[in-house]
Amino acid sequence: TIVHLLLRLYDVTAGQIRLNGTDIRKIPTETLHQAFGIVFQSDVLFADTIAENIRFGRELTDEQLKMAARYAQAEEFISTKEDRFAFQLSSRGSNLSGGQKQRVAIARALINRPKVLLLDEPLGALDLKLRKQMQLELKRLQKKLNITFIYVTHDQEEALTMSDRIAIMHDGVMDQIGSPTEIYERPATKFVATFIGETNVFDGTIRSIEGGKAVIGIENGEVTSSGSVEEGDGKNTGFAVNEFVTVSVRPEKMHFSPKPVEGFTVPAVVRDYIYVGSVLKCIAVLPNGNEIKMEKLA
């Protein structure tokens, strides 16, 4: 929806979208479209040569073509094989790889040096290893070109890996906009906490606040906050005794002990202990049947 609004395929009905300070509704359509490059999830290549796919019907010099290929890190197979058809067999006997096809699509989107590059899940069709490689390539490309990339993704890890700022949308509302660290470490809502990465969520009530720490009663016992808690009236600032709260704890922040730990009275039974290479994952079951996830380095 955001991409459609930026391209004015849908019209903004409330608020404003500004490009360099100008409301996009006041920018002529042709000028607006020249300001945006777009890369789709599917590479949308045509059965033409690689060069013609990048030119896309535009009059371009050979230098412009090679420059666009250089930006997209596709020069190595465009400069020497630009007459090759997009779906023609390569010298190794296989079609262009998914990564190569997307590099051609990116080069096509960058040919006019747009002010903003829109990327609508461009790596969704690639396998995991290639997707991770392309994530880093796109991040380096953005730094090199110094233009805004707006990247649409449902892959939370991809969002954390690539972004300078993340906007989390929920039911048409921006729940939170911030850096990857802010989004992950200090989620503004329960939805953001559960949407980005894995987390354990506990609902409870503040029973006491002493020395900047809150003792929170949950269904299965009590936990004590590790950070400083600002005491207030629970409405405008800080927290108040008897206030209902939701606590989010990331798996890598969770610990368990066979012996009692002061300030924590939550019993659990270990159900699974799983080795996944660099990380050990543990799933424990609380008395009410809820499962909690814990992780630690192997």
C-alpha atoms as a PDB file:
ATOM      1  CA  THR A   1       0.000   0.000   0.000  1.00  0.00           C
ATOM      2  CA  ILE A   2       2.807   2.421   0.865  1.00  0.00           C
ATOM      3  CA  VAL A   3       4.506   1.708  -2.463  1.00  0.00           C
ATOM      4  CA  HIS A   4       1.223   2.305  -4.322  1.00  0.00           C
ATOM      5  CA  LEU A   5       0.758   5.593  -2.473  1.00  0.00           C
ATOM      6  CA  LEU A   6       4.290   6.733  -3.306  1.00  0.00           C
ATOM      7  CA  LEU A   7       3.708   6.052  -7.006  1.00  0.00           C
ATOM      8  CA  ARG A   8       0.227   7.635  -6.765  1.00  0.00           C
ATOM      9  CA  LEU A   9      -1.459   4.473  -7.926  1.00  0.00           C
ATOM     10  CA  TYR A  10      -3.574   5.186  -4.837  1.00  0.00           C
ATOM     11  CA  ASP A  11      -4.196   8.763  -3.726  1.00  0.00           C
ATOM     12  CA  VAL A  12      -3.404   9.937  -0.225  1.00  0.00           C
ATOM     13  CA  THR A  13      -6.700  10.690   1.540  1.00  0.00           C
ATOM     14  CA  ALA A  14      -5.268  11.977   4.824  1.00  0.00           C
ATOM     15  CA  GLY A  15      -1.892  13.348   5.817  1.00  0.00           C
ATOM     16  CA  GLN A  16       0.943  13.981   3.376  1.00  0.00           C
ATOM     17  CA  ILE A  17       3.801  12.194   1.667  1.00  0.00           C
ATOM     18  CA  ARG A  18       6.621  14.612   0.872  1.00  0.00           C
ATOM     19  CA  LEU A  19       9.504  14.172  -1.527  1.00  0.00           C
ATOM     20  CA  ASN A  20      12.300  16.640  -0.713  1.00  0.00           C
ATOM     21  CA  GLY A  21       9.735  18.702   1.168  1.00  0.00           C
ATOM     22  CA  THR A  22       7.136  18.798  -1.644  1.00  0.00           C
ATOM     23  CA  ASP A  23       3.750  17.088  -1.344  1.00  0.00           C
ATOM     24  CA  ILE A  24       3.807  14.354  -4.007  1.00  0.00           C
ATOM     25  CA  ARG A  25       0.269  15.326  -5.050  1.00  0.00           C
ATOM     26  CA  LYS A  26       1.740  18.585  -6.382  1.00  0.00           C
ATOM     27  CA  ILE A  27       4.433  16.848  -8.440  1.00  0.00           C
ATOM     28  CA  PRO A  28       3.551  16.020 -12.093  1.00  0.00           C
ATOM     29  CA  THR A  29       3.093  12.263 -12.551  1.00  0.00           C
ATOM     30  CA  GLU A  30       5.911  11.895 -15.086  1.00  0.00           C
ATOM     31  CA  THR A  31       8.341  13.802 -12.850  1.00  0.00           C
ATOM     32  CA  LEU A  32       7.256  11.759  -9.839  1.00  0.00           C
ATOM     33  CA  HIS A  33       7.767   8.437 -11.576  1.00  0.00           C
ATOM     34  CA  GLN A  34      11.245   9.513 -12.694  1.00  0.00           C
ATOM     35  CA  ALA A  35      12.085  10.150  -9.034  1.00  0.00           C
ATOM     36  CA  PHE A  36      11.395   6.527  -8.119  1.00  0.00           C
ATOM     37  CA  GLY A  37      13.041   3.318  -9.211  1.00  0.00           C
ATOM     38  CA  ILE A  38      11.259   0.066  -8.353  1.00  0.00           C
ATOM     39  CA  VAL A  39      12.346  -3.555  -7.990  1.00  0.00           C
ATOM     40  CA  PHE A  40       9.695  -6.254  -7.596  1.00  0.00           C
ATOM     41  CA  GLN A  41       9.806  -9.668  -5.925  1.00  0.00           C
ATOM     42  CA  SER A  42       9.780 -11.244  -9.371  1.00  0.00           C
ATOM     43  CA  ASP A  43      12.618  -9.995 -11.565  1.00  0.00           C
ATOM     44  CA  VAL A  44      10.133  -9.260 -14.435  1.00  0.00           C
ATOM     45  CA  LEU A  45      12.721  -9.714 -17.178  1.00  0.00           C
ATOM     46  CA  PHE A  46      11.757  -9.938 -20.838  1.00  0.00           C
ATOM     47  CA  ALA A  47      12.965 -12.364 -23.485  1.00  0.00           C
ATOM     48  CA  ASP A  48      15.381  -9.734 -24.786  1.00  0.00           C
ATOM     49  CA  THR A  49      19.077  -9.211 -24.297  1.00  0.00           C
ATOM     50  CA  ILE A  50      20.390  -8.209 -20.904  1.00  0.00           C
ATOM     51  CA  ALA A  51      21.254  -4.787 -22.321  1.00  0.00           C
ATOM     52  CA  GLU A  52      17.722  -4.255 -23.646  1.00  0.00           C
ATOM     53  CA  ASN A  53      16.253  -5.302 -20.302  1.00  0.00           C
ATOM     54  CA  ILE A  54      18.248  -2.555 -18.641  1.00  0.00           C
ATOM     55  CA  ARG A  55      17.535   0.032 -21.333  1.00  0.00           C
ATOM     56  CA  PHE A  56      13.813  -0.778 -21.168  1.00  0.00           C
ATOM     57  CA  GLY A  57      13.056   1.188 -24.341  1.00  0.00           C
ATOM     58  CA  ARG A  58      15.131   4.220 -23.323  1.00  0.00           C
ATOM     59  CA  GLU A  59      17.855   5.850 -25.406  1.00  0.00           C
ATOM     60  CA  LEU A  60      21.012   5.242 -23.424  1.00  0.00           C
ATOM     61  CA  THR A  61      24.688   5.483 -24.233  1.00  0.00           C
ATOM     62  CA  ASP A  62      26.911   2.474 -23.702  1.00  0.00           C
ATOM     63  CA  GLU A  63      28.555   4.342 -20.828  1.00  0.00           C
ATOM     64  CA  GLN A  64      25.211   4.875 -19.074  1.00  0.00           C
ATOM     65  CA  LEU A  65      24.419   1.183 -19.475  1.00  0.00           C
ATOM     66  CA  LYS A  66      27.749   0.095 -18.045  1.00  0.00           C
ATOM     67  CA  MET A  67      27.463   2.595 -15.190  1.00  0.00           C
ATOM     68  CA  ALA A  68      24.067   1.182 -14.200  1.00  0.00           C
ATOM     69  CA  ALA A  69      25.503  -2.333 -14.357  1.00  0.00           C
ATOM     70  CA  ARG A  70      28.423  -1.207 -12.212  1.00  0.00           C
ATOM     71  CA  TYR A  71      26.058   0.226  -9.598  1.00  0.00           C
ATOM     72  CA  ALA A  72      24.185  -3.074  -9.431  1.00  0.00           C
ATOM     73  CA  GLN A  73      27.424  -5.101  -9.289  1.00  0.00           C
ATOM     74  CA  ALA A  74      26.340  -6.785 -12.511  1.00  0.00           C
ATOM     75  CA  GLU A  75      29.114  -5.449 -14.716  1.00  0.00           C
ATOM     76  CA  GLU A  76      30.983  -8.746 -14.896  1.00  0.00           C
ATOM     77  CA  PHE A  77      28.288 -10.435 -16.977  1.00  0.00           C
ATOM     78  CA  ILE A  78      26.787  -7.401 -18.706  1.00  0.00           C
ATOM     79  CA  SER A  79      29.907  -5.710 -20.054  1.00  0.00           C
ATOM     80  CA  THR A  80      31.128  -8.922 -21.696  1.00  0.00           C
ATOM     81  CA  LYS A  81      27.814 -10.610 -22.523  1.00  0.00           C
ATOM     82  CA  GLU A  82      25.358  -7.772 -22.940  1.00  0.00           C
ATOM     83  CA  ASP A  83      24.075  -9.255 -26.186  1.00  0.00           C
ATOM     84  CA  ARG A  84      23.130 -12.476 -24.433  1.00  0.00           C
ATOM     85  CA  PHE A  85      19.393 -13.022 -24.156  1.00  0.00           C
ATOM     86  CA  ALA A  86      18.006 -12.779 -20.651  1.00  0.00           C
ATOM     87  CA  PHE A  87      16.831 -16.396 -20.623  1.00  0.00           C
ATOM     88  CA  GLN A  88      19.467 -17.823 -22.916  1.00  0.00           C
ATOM     89  CA  LEU A  89      21.700 -20.619 -21.611  1.00  0.00           C
ATOM     90  CA  SER A  90      24.981 -19.344 -20.211  1.00  0.00           C
ATOM     91  CA  SER A  91      28.424 -20.748 -20.965  1.00  0.00           C
ATOM     92  CA  ARG A  92      28.038 -23.011 -17.919  1.00  0.00           C
ATOM     93  CA  GLY A  93      24.885 -24.529 -19.358  1.00  0.00           C
ATOM     94  CA  SER A  94      22.317 -22.934 -17.045  1.00  0.00           C
ATOM     95  CA  ASN A  95      20.028 -19.913 -17.083  1.00  0.00           C
ATOM     96  CA  LEU A  96      20.929 -16.724 -15.285  1.00  0.00           C
ATOM     97  CA  SER A  97      20.821 -17.334 -11.556  1.00  0.00           C
ATOM     98  CA  GLY A  98      18.145 -15.696  -9.414  1.00  0.00           C
ATOM     99  CA  GLY A  99      20.751 -13.300  -8.050  1.00  0.00           C
ATOM    100  CA  GLN A 100      21.937 -12.335 -11.553  1.00  0.00           C
ATOM    101  CA  LYS A 101      18.365 -11.720 -12.703  1.00  0.00           C
ATOM    102  CA  GLN A 102      17.714  -9.445  -9.740  1.00  0.00           C
ATOM    103  CA  ARG A 103      20.952  -7.568 -10.427  1.00  0.00           C
ATOM    104  CA  VAL A 104      19.675  -6.887 -13.947  1.00  0.00           C
ATOM    105  CA  ALA A 105      16.360  -5.660 -12.497  1.00  0.00           C
ATOM    106  CA  ILE A 106      18.218  -3.439 -10.016  1.00  0.00           C
ATOM    107  CA  ALA A 107      20.416  -2.011 -12.777  1.00  0.00           C
ATOM    108  CA  ARG A 108      17.254  -1.198 -14.775  1.00  0.00           C
ATOM    109  CA  ALA A 109      15.743   0.585 -11.746  1.00  0.00           C
ATOM    110  CA  LEU A 110      18.910   2.641 -11.166  1.00  0.00           C
ATOM    111  CA  ILE A 111      19.538   3.720 -14.762  1.00  0.00           C
ATOM    112  CA  ASN A 112      18.056   7.207 -14.231  1.00  0.00           C
ATOM    113  CA  ARG A 113      19.625   7.687 -10.773  1.00  0.00           C
ATOM    114  CA  PRO A 114      16.279   7.933  -8.936  1.00  0.00           C
ATOM    115  CA  LYS A 115      15.935   9.863  -5.677  1.00  0.00           C
ATOM    116  CA  VAL A 116      14.275   6.838  -4.043  1.00  0.00           C
ATOM    117  CA  LEU A 117      14.553   3.133  -4.814  1.00  0.00           C
ATOM    118  CA  LEU A 118      11.456   1.106  -3.902  1.00  0.00           C
ATOM    119  CA  LEU A 119      12.119  -2.580  -3.251  1.00  0.00           C
ATOM    120  CA  ASP A 120       9.024  -4.743  -2.854  1.00  0.00           C
ATOM    121  CA  GLU A 121      10.280  -8.015  -1.302  1.00  0.00           C
ATOM    122  CA  PRO A 122      12.968  -8.280  -4.033  1.00  0.00           C
ATOM    123  CA  LEU A 123      14.758 -11.257  -2.460  1.00  0.00           C
ATOM    124  CA  GLY A 124      11.695 -13.315  -1.581  1.00  0.00           C
ATOM    125  CA  ALA A 125      12.173 -15.781  -4.440  1.00  0.00           C
ATOM    126  CA  LEU A 126      15.853 -16.494  -3.703  1.00  0.00           C
ATOM    127  CA  ASP A 127      17.251 -19.346  -1.633  1.00  0.00           C
ATOM    128  CA  LEU A 128      18.497 -18.569   1.883  1.00  0.00           C
ATOM    129  CA  LYS A 129      22.237 -18.403   1.144  1.00  0.00           C
ATOM    130  CA  LEU A 130      21.815 -16.173  -1.909  1.00  0.00           C
ATOM    131  CA  ARG A 131      19.276 -13.998  -0.085  1.00  0.00           C
ATOM    132  CA  LYS A 132      21.752 -13.295   2.719  1.00  0.00           C
ATOM    133  CA  GLN A 133      24.466 -12.471   0.183  1.00  0.00           C
ATOM    134  CA  MET A 134      22.174 -10.088  -1.700  1.00  0.00           C
ATOM    135  CA  GLN A 135      21.101  -8.409   1.561  1.00  0.00           C
ATOM    136  CA  LEU A 136      24.682  -7.335   2.190  1.00  0.00           C
ATOM    137  CA  GLU A 137      25.164  -6.293  -1.440  1.00  0.00           C
ATOM    138  CA  LEU A 138      22.057  -4.081  -1.330  1.00  0.00           C
ATOM    139  CA  LYS A 139      23.158  -2.529   1.958  1.00  0.00           C
ATOM    140  CA  ARG A 140      26.564  -1.669   0.492  1.00  0.00           C
ATOM    141  CA  LEU A 141      24.898  -0.347  -2.664  1.00  0.00           C
ATOM    142  CA  GLN A 142      22.690   2.016  -0.654  1.00  0.00           C
ATOM    143  CA  LYS A 143      25.720   3.412   1.183  1.00  0.00           C
ATOM    144  CA  LYS A 144      27.582   3.814  -2.102  1.00  0.00           C
ATOM    145  CA  LEU A 145      24.773   5.617  -3.953  1.00  0.00           C
ATOM    146  CA  ASN A 146      23.571   7.544  -0.881  1.00  0.00           C
ATOM    147  CA  ILE A 147      19.924   7.489  -1.951  1.00  0.00           C
ATOM    148  CA  THR A 148      16.899   6.397   0.070  1.00  0.00           C
ATOM    149  CA  PHE A 149      15.887   2.755  -0.203  1.00  0.00           C
ATOM    150  CA  ILE A 150      12.353   1.877   0.921  1.00  0.00           C
ATOM    151  CA  TYR A 151      12.347  -1.867   1.444  1.00  0.00           C
ATOM    152  CA  VAL A 152       9.139  -3.854   1.970  1.00  0.00           C
ATOM    153  CA  THR A 153       9.631  -7.195   3.709  1.00  0.00           C
ATOM    154  CA  HIS A 154       7.848  -9.663   5.970  1.00  0.00           C
ATOM    155  CA  ASP A 155      11.183 -11.228   6.942  1.00  0.00           C
ATOM    156  CA  GLN A 156      11.995  -9.819  10.397  1.00  0.00           C
ATOM    157  CA  GLU A 157      15.654 -10.871  10.306  1.00  0.00           C
ATOM    158  CA  GLU A 158      16.039  -9.236   6.896  1.00  0.00           C
ATOM    159  CA  ALA A 159      14.569  -6.003   8.270  1.00  0.00           C
ATOM    160  CA  LEU A 160      17.018  -5.988  11.185  1.00  0.00           C
ATOM    161  CA  THR A 161      19.968  -6.812   8.911  1.00  0.00           C
ATOM    162  CA  MET A 162      19.393  -4.164   6.258  1.00  0.00           C
ATOM    163  CA  SER A 163      17.678  -1.178   7.805  1.00  0.00           C
ATOM    164  CA  ASP A 164      18.772   2.125   9.282  1.00  0.00           C
ATOM    165  CA  ARG A 165      15.155   2.717  10.318  1.00  0.00           C
ATOM    166  CA  ILE A 166      12.273   0.262  10.555  1.00  0.00           C
ATOM    167  CA  ALA A 167       8.568   1.077  10.477  1.00  0.00           C
ATOM    168  CA  ILE A 168       6.288  -1.623  11.902  1.00  0.00           C
ATOM    169  CA  MET A 169       2.738  -1.436  10.559  1.00  0.00           C
ATOM    170  CA  HIS A 170      -0.214  -3.102  12.289  1.00  0.00           C
ATOM    171  CA  ASP A 171      -3.825  -2.757  11.140  1.00  0.00           C
ATOM    172  CA  GLY A 172      -2.901   0.281   9.043  1.00  0.00           C
ATOM    173  CA  VAL A 173      -1.150   2.100  11.897  1.00  0.00           C
ATOM    174  CA  MET A 174       2.581   2.674  12.426  1.00  0.00           C
ATOM    175  CA  ASP A 175       3.083   0.986  15.804  1.00  0.00           C
ATOM    176  CA  GLN A 176       6.728   2.051  16.002  1.00  0.00           C
ATOM    177  CA  ILE A 177       9.424   3.704  13.899  1.00  0.00           C
ATOM    178  CA  GLY A 178      13.021   3.427  15.063  1.00  0.00           C
ATOM    179  CA  SER A 179      16.448   1.917  14.589  1.00  0.00           C
ATOM    180  CA  PRO A 180      16.789  -1.889  14.529  1.00  0.00           C
ATOM    181  CA  THR A 181      18.252  -1.737  18.050  1.00  0.00           C
ATOM    182  CA  GLU A 182      15.341   0.333  19.366  1.00  0.00           C
ATOM    183  CA  ILE A 183      12.758  -1.910  17.714  1.00  0.00           C
ATOM    184  CA  TYR A 184      14.320  -5.093  19.085  1.00  0.00           C
ATOM    185  CA  GLU A 185      15.458  -3.953  22.524  1.00  0.00           C
ATOM    186  CA  ARG A 186      12.699  -1.456  23.355  1.00  0.00           C
ATOM    187  CA  PRO A 187       9.499  -2.433  21.489  1.00  0.00           C
ATOM    188  CA  ALA A 188       6.714   0.125  21.965  1.00  0.00           C
ATOM    189  CA  THR A 189       3.829  -2.370  21.848  1.00  0.00           C
ATOM    190  CA  LYS A 190       3.151  -6.037  22.462  1.00  0.00           C
ATOM    191  CA  PHE A 191       2.644  -6.529  18.720  1.00  0.00           C
ATOM    192  CA  VAL A 192       6.091  -5.105  17.891  1.00  0.00           C
ATOM    193  CA  ALA A 193       7.710  -7.283  20.576  1.00  0.00           C
ATOM    194  CA  THR A 194       6.132 -10.465  19.192  1.00  0.00           C
ATOM    195  CA  PHE A 195       6.488  -9.539  15.504  1.00  0.00           C
ATOM    196  CA  ILE A 196      10.222  -8.789  15.455  1.00  0.00           C
ATOM    197  CA  GLY A 197      12.187 -11.807  16.584  1.00  0.00           C
ATOM    198  CA  GLU A 198      11.163 -14.412  19.144  1.00  0.00           C
ATOM    199  CA  THR A 199      10.126 -13.346  22.626  1.00  0.00           C
ATOM    200  CA  ASN A 200       8.444 -14.603  25.773  1.00  0.00           C
ATOM    201  CA  VAL A 201       5.444 -12.563  26.913  1.00  0.00           C
ATOM    202  CA  PHE A 202       4.153 -12.496  30.483  1.00  0.00           C
ATOM    203  CA  ASP A 203       1.089 -10.583  31.656  1.00  0.00           C
ATOM    204  CA  GLY A 204       1.103  -9.501  35.278  1.00  0.00           C
ATOM    205  CA  THR A 205       0.616  -6.806  37.902  1.00  0.00           C
ATOM    206  CA  ILE A 206       3.203  -4.630  39.627  1.00  0.00           C
ATOM    207  CA  ARG A 207       3.202  -5.644  43.291  1.00  0.00           C
ATOM    208  CA  SER A 208       5.887  -3.284  44.544  1.00  0.00           C
ATOM    209  CA  ILE A 209       8.512  -0.787  43.356  1.00  0.00           C
ATOM    210  CA  GLU A 210      11.647  -0.506  45.478  1.00  0.00           C
ATOM    211  CA  GLY A 211      15.041   0.931  44.634  1.00  0.00           C
ATOM    212  CA  GLY A 212      14.107   1.444  41.009  1.00  0.00           C
ATOM    213  CA  LYS A 213      13.131  -2.204  40.519  1.00  0.00           C
ATOM    214  CA  ALA A 214       9.616  -3.552  40.100  1.00  0.00           C
ATOM    215  CA  VAL A 215       8.395  -6.844  41.491  1.00  0.00           C
ATOM    216  CA  ILE A 216       5.823  -8.182  39.027  1.00  0.00           C
ATOM    217  CA  GLY A 217       3.374 -10.919  39.899  1.00  0.00           C
ATOM    218  CA  ILE A 218       2.547 -13.212  36.994  1.00  0.00           C
ATOM    219  CA  GLU A 219       0.332 -16.274  36.885  1.00  0.00           C
ATOM    220  CA  ASN A 220       3.144 -18.637  37.837  1.00  0.00           C
ATOM    221  CA  GLY A 221       5.044 -16.590  40.418  1.00  0.00           C
ATOM    222  CA  GLU A 222       7.027 -13.366  40.660  1.00  0.00           C
ATOM    223  CA  VAL A 223       9.784 -11.777  38.606  1.00  0.00           C
ATOM    224  CA  THR A 224      11.910  -8.712  39.357  1.00  0.00           C
ATOM    225  CA  SER A 225      12.809  -6.188  36.680  1.00  0.00           C
ATOM    226  CA  SER A 226      16.521  -5.941  35.897  1.00  0.00           C
ATOM    227  CA  GLY A 227      16.534  -2.320  34.738  1.00  0.00           C
ATOM    228  CA  SER A 228      15.559   0.879  36.474  1.00  0.00           C
ATOM    229  CA  VAL A 229      11.812   1.459  36.689  1.00  0.00           C
ATOM    230  CA  GLU A 230      10.545   5.020  36.984  1.00  0.00           C
ATOM    231  CA  GLU A 231       7.805   5.291  39.555  1.00  0.00           C
ATOM    232  CA  GLY A 232       4.799   7.457  38.715  1.00  0.00           C
ATOM    233  CA  ASP A 233       1.035   7.363  38.615  1.00  0.00           C
ATOM    234  CA  GLY A 234       0.958   4.725  35.903  1.00  0.00           C
ATOM    235  CA  LYS A 235      -0.788   7.041  33.439  1.00  0.00           C
ATOM    236  CA  ASN A 236       1.395   9.934  32.366  1.00  0.00           C
ATOM    237  CA  THR A 237       4.825   8.845  33.557  1.00  0.00           C
ATOM    238  CA  GLY A 238       6.410   5.797  35.084  1.00  0.00           C
ATOM    239  CA  PHE A 239       4.659   2.820  36.634  1.00  0.00           C
ATOM    240  CA  ALA A 240       2.379   2.381  39.624  1.00  0.00           C
ATOM    241  CA  VAL A 241       1.715  -0.421  42.097  1.00  0.00           C
ATOM    242  CA  ASN A 242      -1.233  -2.612  41.001  1.00  0.00           C
ATOM    243  CA  GLU A 243      -0.812  -1.477  37.387  1.00  0.00           C
ATOM    244  CA  PHE A 244      -1.346  -4.211  34.787  1.00  0.00           C
ATOM    245  CA  VAL A 245       1.764  -4.659  32.625  1.00  0.00           C
ATOM    246  CA  THR A 246       3.079  -6.921  29.881  1.00  0.00           C
ATOM    247  CA  VAL A 247       6.670  -8.118  30.172  1.00  0.00           C
ATOM    248  CA  SER A 248       8.627  -9.173  27.089  1.00  0.00           C
ATOM    249  CA  VAL A 249      11.837 -11.167  27.521  1.00  0.00           C
ATOM    250  CA  ARG A 250      13.932 -12.285  24.560  1.00  0.00           C
ATOM    251  CA  PRO A 251      15.049 -15.973  24.578  1.00  0.00           C
ATOM    252  CA  GLU A 252      18.737 -15.000  24.751  1.00  0.00           C
ATOM    253  CA  LYS A 253      18.002 -12.932  27.891  1.00  0.00           C
ATOM    254  CA  MET A 254      16.330 -15.861  29.679  1.00  0.00           C
ATOM    255  CA  HIS A 255      18.225 -18.060  32.128  1.00  0.00           C
ATOM    256  CA  PHE A 256      17.291 -21.067  34.203  1.00  0.00           C
ATOM    257  CA  SER A 257      18.761 -22.578  37.323  1.00  0.00           C
ATOM    258  CA  PRO A 258      18.198 -25.892  39.142  1.00  0.00           C
ATOM    259  CA  LYS A 259      18.496 -23.918  42.393  1.00  0.00           C
ATOM    260  CA  PRO A 260      16.240 -21.084  43.636  1.00  0.00           C
ATOM    261  CA  VAL A 261      17.284 -17.563  42.588  1.00  0.00           C
ATOM    262  CA  GLU A 262      16.439 -14.599  44.796  1.00  0.00           C
ATOM    263  CA  GLY A 263      13.667 -12.443  43.340  1.00  0.00           C
ATOM    264  CA  PHE A 264      12.348 -15.124  40.985  1.00  0.00           C
ATOM    265  CA  THR A 265       9.790 -17.770  41.894  1.00  0.00           C
ATOM    266  CA  VAL A 266       8.743 -19.150  38.520  1.00  0.00           C
ATOM    267  CA  PRO A 267       9.085 -22.950  38.349  1.00  0.00           C
ATOM    268  CA  ALA A 268       9.311 -24.746  35.007  1.00  0.00           C
ATOM    269  CA  VAL A 269      10.112 -28.159  33.545  1.00  0.00           C
ATOM    270  CA  VAL A 270      12.561 -28.486  30.632  1.00  0.00           C
ATOM    271  CA  ARG A 271      10.798 -30.129  27.686  1.00  0.00           C
ATOM    272  CA  ASP A 272      13.322 -29.805  24.834  1.00  0.00           C
ATOM    273  CA  TYR A 273      17.013 -29.027  24.625  1.00  0.00           C
ATOM    274  CA  ILE A 274      18.068 -28.502  21.018  1.00  0.00           C
ATOM    275  CA  TYR A 275      21.513 -27.965  19.476  1.00  0.00           C
ATOM    276  CA  VAL A 276      21.412 -25.819  16.315  1.00  0.00           C
ATOM    277  CA  GLY A 277      25.084 -25.109  15.699  1.00  0.00           C
ATOM    278  CA  SER A 278      26.126 -21.844  17.323  1.00  0.00           C
ATOM    279  CA  VAL A 279      23.114 -21.769  19.670  1.00  0.00           C
ATOM    280  CA  LEU A 280      21.528 -24.098  22.213  1.00  0.00           C
ATOM    281  CA  LYS A 281      17.745 -23.731  22.377  1.00  0.00           C
ATOM    282  CA  CYS A 282      15.738 -24.761  25.403  1.00  0.00           C
ATOM    283  CA  ILE A 283      11.965 -24.981  25.697  1.00  0.00           C
ATOM    284  CA  ALA A 284      10.543 -25.126  29.212  1.00  0.00           C
ATOM    285  CA  VAL A 285       6.931 -25.554  30.331  1.00  0.00           C
ATOM    286  CA  LEU A 286       5.356 -23.464  33.105  1.00  0.00           C
ATOM    287  CA  PRO A 287       2.774 -24.930  35.543  1.00  0.00           C
ATOM    288  CA  ASN A 288      -0.075 -23.375  33.509  1.00  0.00           C
ATOM    289  CA  GLY A 289       1.122 -25.180  30.355  1.00  0.00           C
ATOM    290  CA  ASN A 290       2.650 -22.140  28.633  1.00  0.00           C
ATOM    291  CA  GLU A 291       5.974 -22.715  26.920  1.00  0.00           C
ATOM    292  CA  ILE A 292       8.931 -20.366  27.237  1.00  0.00           C
ATOM    293  CA  LYS A 293      11.947 -20.246  24.937  1.00  0.00           C
ATOM    294  CA  MET A 294      15.557 -19.771  26.022  1.00  0.00           C
ATOM    295  CA  GLU A 295      18.777 -19.570  24.015  1.00  0.00           C
ATOM    296  CA  LYS A 296      22.449 -19.486  24.822  1.00  0.00           C
ATOM    297  CA  LEU A 297      25.646 -19.719  22.818  1.00  0.00           C
ATOM    298  CA  ALA A 298      26.805 -23.295  22.318  1.00  0.00           C
END
